[in-house]
Protein backbone atom coordinates (compact mmCIF):
# COMPACT_ATOMS: atom_id res chain seq x y z
CA UNK A 1 58.91 142.00 99.84
CA UNK A 2 60.74 143.15 96.72
CA UNK A 3 62.54 140.57 94.61
CA UNK A 4 65.98 142.03 95.39
CA UNK A 5 65.34 141.72 99.11
CA UNK A 6 64.21 138.12 98.69
CA UNK A 7 67.36 137.09 96.87
CA UNK A 8 69.54 138.84 99.45
CA UNK A 9 67.77 137.01 102.27
CA UNK A 10 68.00 133.69 100.47
CA UNK A 11 71.66 134.11 99.63
CA UNK A 12 72.45 134.99 103.22
CA UNK A 13 70.71 131.77 104.22
CA UNK A 14 72.86 129.90 101.66
CA UNK A 15 76.19 131.55 102.37
CA UNK A 16 77.96 133.69 104.89
CA UNK A 17 72.73 132.10 110.32
CA UNK A 18 67.12 132.36 121.12
CA UNK A 19 67.02 129.96 123.29
CA UNK A 20 69.11 128.16 125.81
CA UNK A 21 70.43 124.66 125.39
CA UNK A 22 71.12 124.18 129.08
CA UNK A 23 67.73 122.67 129.83
CA UNK A 24 68.14 119.81 127.40
CA UNK A 25 71.90 119.45 127.23
CA UNK A 26 72.41 119.41 130.96
CA UNK A 27 75.45 120.74 132.78
CA UNK A 28 78.21 118.35 131.82
CA UNK A 29 81.85 119.33 131.80
CA UNK A 30 83.81 118.96 128.58
CA UNK A 31 86.49 116.93 130.33
CA UNK A 32 84.05 114.20 131.29
CA UNK A 33 82.71 113.75 127.78
CA UNK A 34 85.58 114.42 125.40
CA UNK A 35 85.82 112.14 122.40
CA UNK A 36 88.96 110.64 120.93
CA UNK A 37 89.69 107.75 118.61
CA UNK A 38 89.80 105.27 121.50
CA UNK A 39 86.51 106.25 123.12
CA UNK A 40 83.66 103.79 122.97
CA UNK A 41 80.69 105.28 121.14
CA UNK A 42 77.58 105.23 123.30
CA UNK A 43 74.26 103.61 122.37
CA UNK A 44 71.01 105.53 122.68
CA UNK A 45 69.00 103.29 125.00
CA UNK A 46 66.86 105.89 126.76
CA UNK A 47 65.04 109.12 125.90
CA UNK A 48 67.70 111.60 124.76
CA UNK A 49 67.17 115.26 123.91
CA UNK A 50 69.46 117.25 121.61
CA UNK A 51 69.44 120.88 120.49
CA UNK A 52 70.26 122.07 116.96
CA UNK A 53 70.99 125.75 116.32
CA UNK A 54 70.42 126.80 112.73
CA UNK A 55 69.88 129.79 110.48
CA UNK A 56 67.38 128.42 107.99
CA UNK A 57 64.34 130.46 106.95
CA UNK A 58 61.41 130.03 104.58
CA UNK A 59 61.31 126.80 102.61
CA UNK A 60 64.68 125.74 104.04
CA UNK A 61 63.34 125.89 107.59
CA UNK A 62 60.09 124.13 106.70
CA UNK A 63 61.98 121.36 104.93
CA UNK A 64 64.31 120.97 107.91
CA UNK A 65 61.30 120.69 110.22
CA UNK A 66 59.76 118.04 107.98
CA UNK A 67 62.96 115.99 107.87
CA UNK A 68 63.31 116.26 111.65
CA UNK A 69 59.80 114.93 112.18
CA UNK A 70 60.65 111.96 109.94
CA UNK A 71 63.80 111.33 111.95
CA UNK A 72 62.00 111.43 115.29
CA UNK A 73 59.39 109.00 113.97
CA UNK A 74 62.16 106.59 112.95
CA UNK A 75 64.11 107.22 116.18
CA UNK A 76 61.48 107.56 118.96
CA UNK A 77 64.11 107.72 121.72
CA UNK A 78 65.65 110.89 120.25
CA UNK A 79 64.01 114.33 120.46
CA UNK A 80 65.51 117.14 118.38
CA UNK A 81 64.83 120.72 119.44
CA UNK A 82 65.35 123.05 116.48
CA UNK A 83 66.31 126.58 117.50
CA UNK A 84 66.45 129.23 114.79
CA UNK A 85 68.97 131.96 115.62
CA UNK A 86 68.09 134.32 112.78
CA UNK A 87 70.46 135.21 109.95
CA UNK A 88 73.95 133.71 109.69
CA UNK A 89 75.56 136.73 111.33
CA UNK A 90 73.11 136.37 114.24
CA UNK A 91 73.96 132.69 114.57
CA UNK A 92 77.67 133.41 114.52
CA UNK A 93 77.26 136.12 117.18
CA UNK A 94 75.17 133.77 119.33
CA UNK A 95 77.81 131.04 119.13
CA UNK A 96 80.62 133.48 119.92
CA UNK A 97 78.87 134.92 122.98
CA UNK A 98 77.89 131.48 124.28
CA UNK A 99 81.39 130.04 123.94
CA UNK A 100 82.11 131.88 127.20
CA UNK A 101 79.56 129.59 128.91
CA UNK A 102 80.10 126.24 127.15
CA UNK A 103 77.36 124.39 129.02
CA UNK A 104 74.80 126.71 127.40
CA UNK A 105 75.89 125.75 123.89
CA UNK A 106 73.62 123.50 121.82
CA UNK A 107 74.46 119.89 121.07
CA UNK A 108 75.05 120.71 117.40
CA UNK A 109 75.02 123.81 115.24
CA UNK A 110 75.22 124.98 111.68
CA UNK A 111 78.41 126.96 111.14
CA UNK A 112 81.14 127.88 108.75
CA UNK A 113 84.39 126.26 109.91
CA UNK A 114 86.25 129.53 110.39
CA UNK A 115 83.64 130.59 112.97
CA UNK A 116 84.79 127.74 115.19
CA UNK A 117 88.57 127.93 114.78
CA UNK A 118 89.08 129.12 118.37
CA UNK A 119 86.53 126.61 119.70
CA UNK A 120 88.44 123.80 117.99
CA UNK A 121 91.74 125.08 119.33
CA UNK A 122 90.26 125.08 122.84
CA UNK A 123 88.99 121.50 122.38
CA UNK A 124 85.35 122.52 122.61
CA UNK A 125 84.35 120.56 119.50
CA UNK A 126 83.95 116.83 118.97
CA UNK A 127 86.29 115.12 116.52
CA UNK A 128 83.73 113.28 114.40
CA UNK A 129 86.15 110.76 112.89
CA UNK A 130 85.35 108.04 115.47
CA UNK A 131 81.64 108.49 114.75
CA UNK A 132 82.17 108.35 110.99
CA UNK A 133 84.20 105.15 111.38
CA UNK A 134 81.74 103.51 113.79
CA UNK A 135 79.50 101.05 111.93
CA UNK A 136 76.59 101.32 114.37
CA UNK A 137 76.25 105.10 114.68
CA UNK A 138 78.16 106.13 111.56
CA UNK A 139 79.02 104.54 108.23
CA UNK A 140 82.11 102.49 109.02
CA UNK A 141 84.30 104.97 107.15
CA UNK A 142 84.13 108.22 105.21
CA UNK A 143 83.96 106.45 101.82
CA UNK A 144 80.82 104.60 102.89
CA UNK A 145 79.17 107.93 103.79
CA UNK A 146 78.81 108.76 100.07
CA UNK A 147 79.75 112.36 100.87
CA UNK A 148 82.04 113.95 98.29
CA UNK A 149 85.59 113.99 99.80
CA UNK A 150 86.14 117.63 98.83
CA UNK A 151 83.09 118.63 100.87
CA UNK A 152 84.26 116.60 103.87
CA UNK A 153 87.68 118.24 103.61
CA UNK A 154 85.99 121.64 103.63
CA UNK A 155 84.45 120.79 107.01
CA UNK A 156 87.85 120.17 108.63
CA UNK A 157 89.47 122.61 111.02
CA UNK A 158 93.26 122.44 111.17
CA UNK A 159 93.08 119.00 109.59
CA UNK A 160 90.54 117.49 111.99
CA UNK A 161 87.07 116.37 110.85
CA UNK A 162 84.96 118.46 113.21
CA UNK A 163 82.11 119.06 110.75
CA UNK A 164 79.80 117.19 108.38
CA UNK A 165 78.70 119.16 105.26
CA UNK A 166 74.99 119.92 105.14
CA UNK A 167 73.57 122.84 103.16
CA UNK A 168 75.99 123.41 100.34
CA UNK A 169 76.11 125.42 97.15
CA UNK A 170 78.69 126.11 94.48
CA UNK A 171 79.38 129.00 92.14
CA UNK A 172 77.85 128.55 88.69
CA UNK A 173 77.38 130.62 85.55
CA UNK A 174 73.84 131.79 84.85
CA UNK A 175 73.25 133.16 81.36
CA UNK A 176 70.57 134.59 79.09
CA UNK A 177 70.19 131.95 76.36
CA UNK A 178 68.12 134.29 74.16
CA UNK A 179 70.86 136.93 74.12
CA UNK A 180 73.46 134.26 73.34
CA UNK A 181 71.38 133.13 70.35
CA UNK A 182 70.77 136.71 69.21
CA UNK A 183 74.48 137.52 69.10
CA UNK A 184 75.71 134.21 67.73
CA UNK A 185 77.24 132.75 70.90
CA UNK A 186 76.76 129.00 70.49
CA UNK A 187 77.70 127.73 73.97
CA UNK A 188 78.41 128.88 77.49
CA UNK A 189 82.01 129.95 78.10
CA UNK A 190 84.18 127.34 79.80
CA UNK A 191 87.32 129.42 80.34
CA UNK A 192 87.94 132.93 81.61
CA UNK A 193 89.27 133.89 78.18
CA UNK A 194 85.98 132.76 76.60
CA UNK A 195 84.01 134.63 79.26
CA UNK A 196 85.83 137.84 78.39
CA UNK A 197 85.40 137.26 74.65
CA UNK A 198 81.67 136.58 74.94
CA UNK A 199 81.14 139.52 77.29
CA UNK A 200 82.85 141.86 74.81
CA UNK A 201 80.72 140.55 71.93
CA UNK A 202 77.47 141.09 73.83
CA UNK A 203 78.44 144.56 75.03
CA UNK A 204 79.51 145.65 71.54
CA UNK A 205 76.61 144.11 69.58
CA UNK A 206 74.01 145.44 72.02
CA UNK A 207 75.35 148.97 71.43
CA UNK A 208 76.53 149.02 75.05
CA UNK A 209 73.02 148.46 76.38
CA UNK A 210 73.76 145.03 77.89
CA UNK A 211 76.82 144.41 80.05
CA UNK A 212 78.41 141.08 79.26
CA UNK A 213 79.11 139.60 82.68
CA UNK A 214 79.92 140.07 86.35
CA UNK A 215 80.69 138.24 89.59
CA UNK A 216 78.54 138.33 92.72
CA UNK A 217 81.29 137.56 95.23
CA UNK A 218 84.50 139.53 94.82
CA UNK A 219 86.17 137.46 97.54
CA UNK A 220 85.39 134.31 95.58
CA UNK A 221 86.50 135.95 92.35
CA UNK A 222 89.98 136.71 93.66
CA UNK A 223 90.39 133.44 95.58
CA UNK A 224 89.41 131.27 92.61
CA UNK A 225 91.28 133.49 90.19
CA UNK A 226 94.48 132.82 92.14
CA UNK A 227 93.66 129.11 92.52
CA UNK A 228 93.21 128.81 88.75
CA UNK A 229 96.67 130.35 88.45
CA UNK A 230 98.06 127.67 90.76
CA UNK A 231 98.13 129.75 93.95
CA UNK A 232 96.33 128.53 97.09
CA UNK A 233 94.72 130.99 99.48
CA UNK A 234 97.22 131.70 102.27
CA UNK A 235 99.13 134.43 104.08
CA UNK A 236 101.97 133.90 101.60
CA UNK A 237 100.04 135.56 98.78
CA UNK A 238 101.75 138.71 97.54
CA UNK A 239 98.86 140.95 96.58
CA UNK A 240 101.08 143.03 94.26
CA UNK A 241 102.74 140.06 92.53
CA UNK A 242 102.43 139.69 88.74
CA UNK A 243 100.00 136.77 89.20
CA UNK A 244 97.82 138.73 91.59
CA UNK A 245 97.79 141.76 89.31
CA UNK A 246 96.87 139.53 86.37
CA UNK A 247 93.79 138.28 88.26
CA UNK A 248 92.81 141.76 89.43
CA UNK A 249 93.35 143.47 86.08
CA UNK A 250 91.27 140.88 84.22
CA UNK A 251 88.23 142.23 86.04
CA UNK A 252 89.40 145.83 86.25
CA UNK A 253 90.07 146.02 82.50
CA UNK A 254 86.57 144.72 81.81
CA UNK A 255 85.09 147.34 84.13
CA UNK A 256 87.01 150.11 82.36
CA UNK A 257 85.91 148.88 78.94
CA UNK A 258 82.30 148.39 80.05
CA UNK A 259 81.79 144.68 79.29
CA UNK A 260 82.09 143.66 82.98
CA UNK A 261 80.28 145.09 85.99
CA UNK A 262 79.93 144.54 89.73
CA UNK A 263 76.74 144.07 91.72
CA UNK A 264 77.22 147.32 93.61
CA UNK A 265 74.38 148.50 95.81
CA UNK A 266 72.12 145.76 94.47
CA UNK A 267 74.42 143.23 96.22
CA UNK A 268 73.70 140.47 93.70
CA UNK A 269 73.54 140.47 89.91
CA UNK A 270 70.41 138.34 89.72
CA UNK A 271 68.29 141.51 89.69
CA UNK A 272 70.08 143.21 86.76
CA UNK A 273 70.17 139.80 85.03
CA UNK A 274 66.39 139.40 85.34
CA UNK A 275 66.00 142.95 83.96
CA UNK A 276 68.30 142.09 81.03
CA UNK A 277 70.92 144.64 82.04
CA UNK A 278 73.62 141.96 82.24
CA UNK A 279 73.77 138.86 80.05
CA UNK A 280 75.46 136.44 82.46
CA UNK A 281 76.80 136.32 85.98
CA UNK A 282 78.70 134.04 88.31
CA UNK A 283 76.94 133.48 91.62
CA UNK A 284 75.63 130.91 94.06
CA UNK A 285 73.75 127.89 92.76
CA UNK A 286 71.42 128.22 95.76
CA UNK A 287 69.85 131.31 94.22
CA UNK A 288 68.51 129.68 91.07
CA UNK A 289 64.95 129.49 92.34
CA UNK A 290 64.94 133.27 92.77
CA UNK A 291 66.51 133.76 89.35
CA UNK A 292 63.68 131.71 87.87
CA UNK A 293 61.14 133.82 89.74
CA UNK A 294 62.69 137.08 88.58
CA UNK A 295 63.08 136.04 84.96
CA UNK A 296 59.57 134.62 84.63
CA UNK A 297 58.65 134.35 80.98
CA UNK A 298 60.73 137.35 79.85
CA UNK A 299 63.46 135.16 78.36
CA UNK A 300 65.09 131.74 78.59
CA UNK A 301 67.90 131.40 81.10
CA UNK A 302 70.29 128.50 81.61
CA UNK A 303 73.12 127.53 83.95
CA UNK A 304 76.57 126.10 83.30
CA UNK A 305 79.72 125.24 85.27
CA UNK A 306 81.73 128.23 86.42
CA UNK A 307 84.33 129.17 83.77
CA UNK A 308 87.80 127.98 84.77
CA UNK A 309 88.95 124.77 86.41
CA UNK A 310 87.75 125.38 89.97
CA UNK A 311 84.52 126.43 91.61
CA UNK A 312 83.90 127.47 95.21
CA UNK A 313 82.26 125.18 97.73
CA UNK A 314 80.02 127.31 99.94
CA UNK A 315 77.48 126.85 102.71
CA UNK A 316 77.56 125.57 106.27
CA UNK A 317 78.41 122.30 107.98
CA UNK A 318 77.10 120.75 111.19
CA UNK A 319 79.42 120.75 114.23
CA UNK A 320 79.05 119.09 117.63
CA UNK A 321 80.07 120.59 120.97
CA UNK A 322 82.11 118.61 123.48
CA UNK A 323 80.06 119.41 126.59
CA UNK A 324 77.25 117.05 125.55
CA UNK A 325 76.81 113.66 127.18
CA UNK A 326 77.99 110.52 125.39
CA UNK A 327 74.36 109.62 124.69
CA UNK A 328 73.64 113.06 123.25
CA UNK A 329 76.69 112.81 120.99
CA UNK A 330 75.55 109.44 119.67
CA UNK A 331 72.01 110.74 119.19
CA UNK A 332 73.24 113.88 117.46
CA UNK A 333 75.43 111.96 115.04
CA UNK A 334 72.55 109.62 114.28
CA UNK A 335 70.53 112.71 113.36
CA UNK A 336 73.36 114.17 111.25
CA UNK A 337 73.69 110.84 109.43
CA UNK A 338 69.97 110.97 108.67
CA UNK A 339 70.15 114.54 107.32
CA UNK A 340 72.93 113.68 104.86
CA UNK A 341 71.44 110.35 103.74
CA UNK A 342 70.43 109.86 100.11
CA UNK A 343 66.70 110.10 100.84
CA UNK A 344 67.00 113.22 103.00
CA UNK A 345 69.36 114.97 100.62
CA UNK A 346 67.04 114.31 97.69
CA UNK A 347 64.19 115.99 99.55
CA UNK A 348 66.46 118.79 100.78
CA UNK A 349 68.02 119.57 97.39
CA UNK A 350 64.80 119.37 95.39
CA UNK A 351 62.97 121.59 97.87
CA UNK A 352 65.64 124.21 98.59
CA UNK A 353 68.00 124.45 95.62
CA UNK A 354 71.05 123.49 97.67
CA UNK A 355 73.22 120.82 96.07
CA UNK A 356 73.10 117.28 97.49
CA UNK A 357 76.17 116.54 99.61
CA UNK A 358 75.41 112.85 99.16
CA UNK A 359 76.84 111.56 95.88
CA UNK A 360 74.12 108.92 95.52
CA UNK A 361 71.48 111.65 95.79
CA UNK A 362 73.27 113.85 93.25
CA UNK A 363 73.46 110.92 90.82
CA UNK A 364 69.84 109.85 91.33
CA UNK A 365 67.38 110.28 88.48
CA UNK A 366 64.94 111.84 90.98
CA UNK A 367 67.42 114.73 91.24
CA UNK A 368 68.85 114.86 87.72
CA UNK A 369 65.37 114.84 86.19
CA UNK A 370 64.15 117.76 88.31
CA UNK A 371 62.57 120.08 85.75
CA UNK A 372 61.91 122.90 88.20
CA UNK A 373 65.53 124.13 88.09
CA UNK A 374 68.37 123.81 85.57
CA UNK A 375 71.30 122.90 87.84
CA UNK A 376 70.63 119.20 88.59
CA UNK A 377 71.37 118.12 85.02
CA UNK A 378 74.63 120.12 85.03
CA UNK A 379 75.81 119.46 88.60
CA UNK A 380 78.22 116.60 87.91
CA UNK A 381 80.31 118.69 85.51
CA UNK A 382 80.05 121.77 87.72
CA UNK A 383 81.48 119.94 90.75
CA UNK A 384 84.52 118.30 89.17
CA UNK A 385 87.00 120.55 90.98
CA UNK A 386 85.85 122.09 94.26
CA UNK A 387 87.86 124.52 96.36
CA UNK A 388 87.22 126.04 99.77
CA UNK A 389 89.16 128.53 101.84
CA UNK A 390 91.52 126.63 104.18
CA UNK A 391 90.57 126.89 107.86
CA UNK A 392 93.71 128.30 109.41
CA UNK A 393 94.26 131.22 111.75
CA UNK A 394 92.93 134.51 110.34
CA UNK A 395 92.01 132.97 106.96
CA UNK A 396 88.37 133.93 107.45
CA UNK A 397 89.26 137.54 108.22
CA UNK A 398 91.58 137.76 105.22
CA UNK A 399 88.99 136.21 102.92
CA UNK A 400 86.33 138.63 104.18
CA UNK A 401 88.67 141.59 103.66
CA UNK A 402 89.01 140.73 99.98
CA UNK A 403 85.52 142.02 99.21
CA UNK A 404 86.08 145.67 100.28
CA UNK A 405 89.62 145.57 98.85
CA UNK A 406 88.32 144.49 95.44
CA UNK A 407 85.45 146.96 95.65
CA UNK A 408 87.92 149.82 96.07
CA UNK A 409 90.04 148.60 93.18
CA UNK A 410 87.10 148.16 90.83
CA UNK A 411 85.63 151.50 91.89
CA UNK A 412 88.87 153.10 90.69
CA UNK A 413 88.59 151.15 87.45
CA UNK A 414 85.04 152.39 86.98
CA UNK A 415 86.38 155.93 87.16
CA UNK A 416 88.95 155.00 84.46
CA UNK A 417 91.73 155.48 87.00
CA UNK A 418 95.01 153.60 87.29
CA UNK A 419 94.32 150.84 89.81
CA UNK A 420 97.92 150.38 91.02
CA UNK A 421 97.44 152.69 94.01
CA UNK A 422 94.32 150.77 95.06
CA UNK A 423 96.19 147.48 94.65
CA UNK A 424 99.05 148.74 96.82
CA UNK A 425 96.56 149.88 99.44
CA UNK A 426 94.86 146.50 99.22
CA UNK A 427 98.15 144.73 99.86
CA UNK A 428 98.52 146.45 103.23
CA UNK A 429 94.93 145.67 104.24
CA UNK A 430 95.19 142.05 103.10
CA UNK A 431 98.42 141.54 105.03
CA UNK A 432 96.93 143.18 108.14
CA UNK A 433 93.93 140.84 108.02
CA UNK A 434 96.30 137.88 108.37
CA UNK A 435 97.65 139.36 111.60
CA UNK A 436 94.44 139.78 113.62
């Protein structure tokens, strides 16, 4: 498999995952097993089977299997059936089709919160707050979980804690330290103004042979660009406002001048970065292992926090379906608690490159001293201000529409055209996405 295909597959497993659960979940109606804050949490006193749908492949899947075996050894009354549904889009499609027959859903699943907006609205998900607050099955409160509050908030749907964060990544800056040294750049840029300045220096001093910088995700670029300008992602955004145009033109001007680029048909800039065609790029932290593989001994790379105040929290959470029995819910949450524990998250993060969702794991020397990848030593600074797209009606569709909108705008910029027409066209498409 070519390197570019590997990074695409890995990023899909880190970002935006067949079997039937009926045999092990039983045929229980959601009304008989709904959970609210007053419900007594069950105890697992007999053999209980649960099903977990996921989209992990490669080392992620093998690590998940290993952790699950450890859990079952520690909890002999609970059997976890792992069911891989393929890529994330396959997992999402499987969930959507099975929502029509709720009793065939798994006990728990990996998912992005916007996938389950309708399921939450139809009360098909379990509010996990009572489980979090329960001292026997949970932690006795969210603070005691050691999970970063911003990550927990990102797993809420319409304000309710339906999910627990699991495999998470953030956007970081990856840069060619040798090129920086060659052209007199002493440190990684910390602001967007510095990013532009450094990109221009590299492009000019390399006689236009090396592009300064680029962004993998255009949706993230626009969303965080607006957030750094004080504007939250919502249907109230005016795509043609002065603030919006400022964010768009920052990238478009760089494209026109040559010091910025987009990933284009290569999908991710890690390939051009490894081939020294671009000096730095902003992309997922989960891809560092593949960056290391691609770079090899050609040059020294390093990572740094994403320029600007905010970075994007990405990756899936674990959600529980309401049709499960009370015993299955308790068993499933016990398993979730195990997966996000300090010990499990240390193994998970060190093996896969995902960031630990458990603060104690992220602060542990066993993680910070990991010499295999660069991120652990920089993670604390990189995670100071996390942002995720709010889970409200049509937010997922609008966020997804940003990528083709920005592609069209930057394609016009690449042709040295005025981008105003593309921005105006983008406004109509962005507004339409909010009215699905």
